[in-house]
């Protein structure tokens, strides 16, 4: 997505930005979403695939509301998180295996998940505030501008 095969951890800030622990942690979380957003832009803009809603799972969603709000800001769509959200990748792989083994003939993965796996699961859906969406957009613009710095770091370090 970024045309980089490797990277080097780097932290840079705008000269007028406040360096606080909260901003430092927020930068890490938003950075985790930046390449996802770049890839999703290819789907939504180039391939015309609309994103109406996403479901989040994995460690990024263990703290209620935080990752969910940031992902929603990144993609500009509501994000739902179920009570099983913290289970992560192995859980998702197990669900795919279960679908392949136990699906009814002609049953789609979406129907299998909705009707058999998550039918009784509790979930919360959150849409980021417009200010969060705008903030992520600014962050992503700066992130993209810093990619040459990352390339240089891989060449000299």
Protein backbone atom coordinates (compact mmCIF):
# COMPACT_ATOMS: atom_id res chain seq x y z
CA UNK A 1 0.00 0.00 0.00
CA UNK A 2 2.87 2.38 0.74
CA UNK A 3 5.41 0.92 -1.69
CA UNK A 4 7.71 0.06 1.22
CA UNK A 5 8.92 -3.49 1.78
CA UNK A 6 10.25 -2.78 5.26
CA UNK A 7 10.27 0.00 7.79
CA UNK A 8 12.01 1.53 10.76
CA UNK A 9 10.13 2.75 13.81
CA UNK A 10 10.21 6.53 13.76
CA UNK A 11 8.43 9.26 15.64
CA UNK A 12 8.29 12.79 14.31
CA UNK A 13 6.03 15.65 15.25
CA UNK A 14 5.02 18.97 13.82
CA UNK A 15 6.95 21.88 15.39
CA UNK A 16 3.81 23.36 16.97
CA UNK A 17 2.31 20.03 18.15
CA UNK A 18 1.92 19.37 21.87
CA UNK A 19 4.04 16.41 22.94
CA UNK A 20 1.89 14.65 25.52
CA UNK A 21 1.50 10.99 26.40
CA UNK A 22 -2.06 11.05 25.05
CA UNK A 23 -0.92 12.45 21.69
CA UNK A 24 1.99 9.99 21.54
CA UNK A 25 -0.35 7.02 22.09
CA UNK A 26 -2.92 8.40 19.67
CA UNK A 27 -0.20 8.62 17.00
CA UNK A 28 0.57 4.92 17.48
CA UNK A 29 -3.08 3.92 17.18
CA UNK A 30 -3.70 6.09 14.13
CA UNK A 31 -0.51 4.81 12.49
CA UNK A 32 -1.86 1.28 12.84
CA UNK A 33 -4.86 2.38 10.74
CA UNK A 34 -3.05 4.46 8.12
CA UNK A 35 -2.11 1.68 5.69
CA UNK A 36 -5.52 0.08 6.19
CA UNK A 37 -7.10 3.38 5.11
CA UNK A 38 -4.80 3.64 2.09
CA UNK A 39 -5.85 0.14 1.00
CA UNK A 40 -9.53 0.80 1.65
CA UNK A 41 -9.31 3.95 -0.47
CA UNK A 42 -8.27 1.75 -3.38
CA UNK A 43 -11.39 -0.37 -2.84
CA UNK A 44 -13.79 2.52 -2.33
CA UNK A 45 -12.45 5.01 -4.86
CA UNK A 46 -10.85 2.91 -7.59
CA UNK A 47 -12.93 -0.26 -7.37
CA UNK A 48 -16.16 1.50 -6.27
CA UNK A 49 -16.76 -0.88 -3.33
CA UNK A 50 -18.88 0.94 -0.74
CA UNK A 51 -18.19 0.48 2.96
CA UNK A 52 -21.41 0.78 4.92
CA UNK A 53 -20.26 -0.75 8.21
CA UNK A 54 -17.30 -2.65 9.62
CA UNK A 55 -16.95 -5.16 12.44
CA UNK A 56 -13.84 -4.91 14.56
CA UNK A 57 -12.09 -7.73 16.39
CA UNK A 58 -8.70 -8.30 17.97
CA UNK A 59 -6.59 -6.60 20.58
CA UNK A 60 -7.08 -3.18 18.99
CA UNK A 61 -10.66 -3.30 20.32
CA UNK A 62 -10.03 -4.57 23.87
CA UNK A 63 -10.46 -1.12 25.41
CA UNK A 64 -14.12 -0.25 24.81
CA UNK A 65 -14.74 2.56 22.36
CA UNK A 66 -11.16 3.67 21.69
CA UNK A 67 -10.09 1.56 18.70
CA UNK A 68 -13.67 1.47 17.50
CA UNK A 69 -13.89 5.27 17.36
CA UNK A 70 -10.53 5.60 15.64
CA UNK A 71 -11.33 2.97 13.02
CA UNK A 72 -14.65 4.69 12.36
CA UNK A 73 -12.82 8.00 11.93
CA UNK A 74 -10.38 6.37 9.51
CA UNK A 75 -12.98 4.73 7.28
CA UNK A 76 -15.84 7.20 7.70
CA UNK A 77 -18.31 4.44 8.51
CA UNK A 78 -19.84 2.97 11.66
CA UNK A 79 -17.87 0.23 13.40
CA UNK A 80 -19.54 -2.51 15.41
CA UNK A 81 -17.69 -4.44 18.08
CA UNK A 82 -19.11 -7.59 19.62
CA UNK A 83 -18.42 -8.88 23.10
CA UNK A 84 -16.04 -11.41 21.49
CA UNK A 85 -14.00 -8.62 19.84
CA UNK A 86 -10.85 -9.21 21.87
CA UNK A 87 -10.42 -12.78 20.60
CA UNK A 88 -8.37 -11.80 17.55
CA UNK A 89 -7.09 -13.65 14.48
CA UNK A 90 -7.11 -17.29 15.63
CA UNK A 91 -10.78 -16.89 16.57
CA UNK A 92 -11.55 -15.54 13.10
CA UNK A 93 -9.68 -18.41 11.45
CA UNK A 94 -11.65 -20.90 13.55
CA UNK A 95 -14.90 -19.25 12.43
CA UNK A 96 -13.89 -19.57 8.78
CA UNK A 97 -13.07 -23.24 9.30
CA UNK A 98 -16.41 -23.81 11.03
CA UNK A 99 -18.20 -22.13 8.14
CA UNK A 100 -16.47 -24.36 5.59
CA UNK A 101 -17.34 -27.47 7.60
CA UNK A 102 -20.88 -26.73 8.75
CA UNK A 103 -22.50 -24.26 6.35
CA UNK A 104 -25.76 -25.17 4.67
CA UNK A 105 -25.74 -25.53 0.92
CA UNK A 106 -25.79 -22.09 -0.69
CA UNK A 107 -25.34 -20.33 2.66
CA UNK A 108 -23.11 -17.26 2.44
CA UNK A 109 -20.49 -16.49 5.04
CA UNK A 110 -22.42 -13.36 6.04
CA UNK A 111 -25.60 -15.38 6.60
CA UNK A 112 -23.72 -18.08 8.51
CA UNK A 113 -22.16 -15.51 10.82
CA UNK A 114 -25.36 -13.49 11.28
CA UNK A 115 -27.69 -16.44 11.84
CA UNK A 116 -25.53 -19.08 13.54
CA UNK A 117 -22.46 -17.57 15.14
CA UNK A 118 -23.41 -14.06 16.21
CA UNK A 119 -27.21 -14.28 16.34
CA UNK A 120 -27.27 -13.74 20.11
CA UNK A 121 -24.00 -11.81 20.50
CA UNK A 122 -24.15 -8.40 22.10
CA UNK A 123 -22.52 -5.62 20.13
CA UNK A 124 -22.09 -1.88 20.14
CA UNK A 125 -21.98 0.30 17.06
CA UNK A 126 -20.22 3.62 17.01
CA UNK A 127 -19.78 6.34 14.40
CA UNK A 128 -16.93 8.76 14.93
CA UNK A 129 -17.65 12.44 15.39
CA UNK A 130 -17.03 14.64 12.31
CA UNK A 131 -14.09 16.23 14.16
CA UNK A 132 -12.51 12.77 14.59
CA UNK A 133 -12.93 12.05 10.86
CA UNK A 134 -11.36 15.41 9.98
CA UNK A 135 -8.53 14.81 12.47
CA UNK A 136 -7.72 11.43 10.95
CA UNK A 137 -7.73 12.98 7.49
CA UNK A 138 -5.12 15.53 8.60
CA UNK A 139 -3.08 12.77 10.25
CA UNK A 140 -3.19 10.61 7.11
CA UNK A 141 -2.08 13.50 4.91
CA UNK A 142 0.95 14.05 7.15
CA UNK A 143 1.59 10.29 7.35
CA UNK A 144 1.75 10.06 3.55
CA UNK A 145 4.08 13.06 3.35
CA UNK A 146 6.44 11.34 5.82
CA UNK A 147 6.74 8.11 3.80
CA UNK A 148 9.90 9.35 1.99
CA UNK A 149 11.49 9.77 5.43
CA UNK A 150 10.62 6.15 6.20
CA UNK A 151 12.14 5.04 2.88
CA UNK A 152 15.33 6.95 3.67
CA UNK A 153 15.49 5.34 7.11
CA UNK A 154 15.41 1.87 5.53
CA UNK A 155 18.24 2.86 3.22
CA UNK A 156 20.57 4.26 5.89
CA UNK A 157 19.72 2.19 8.97
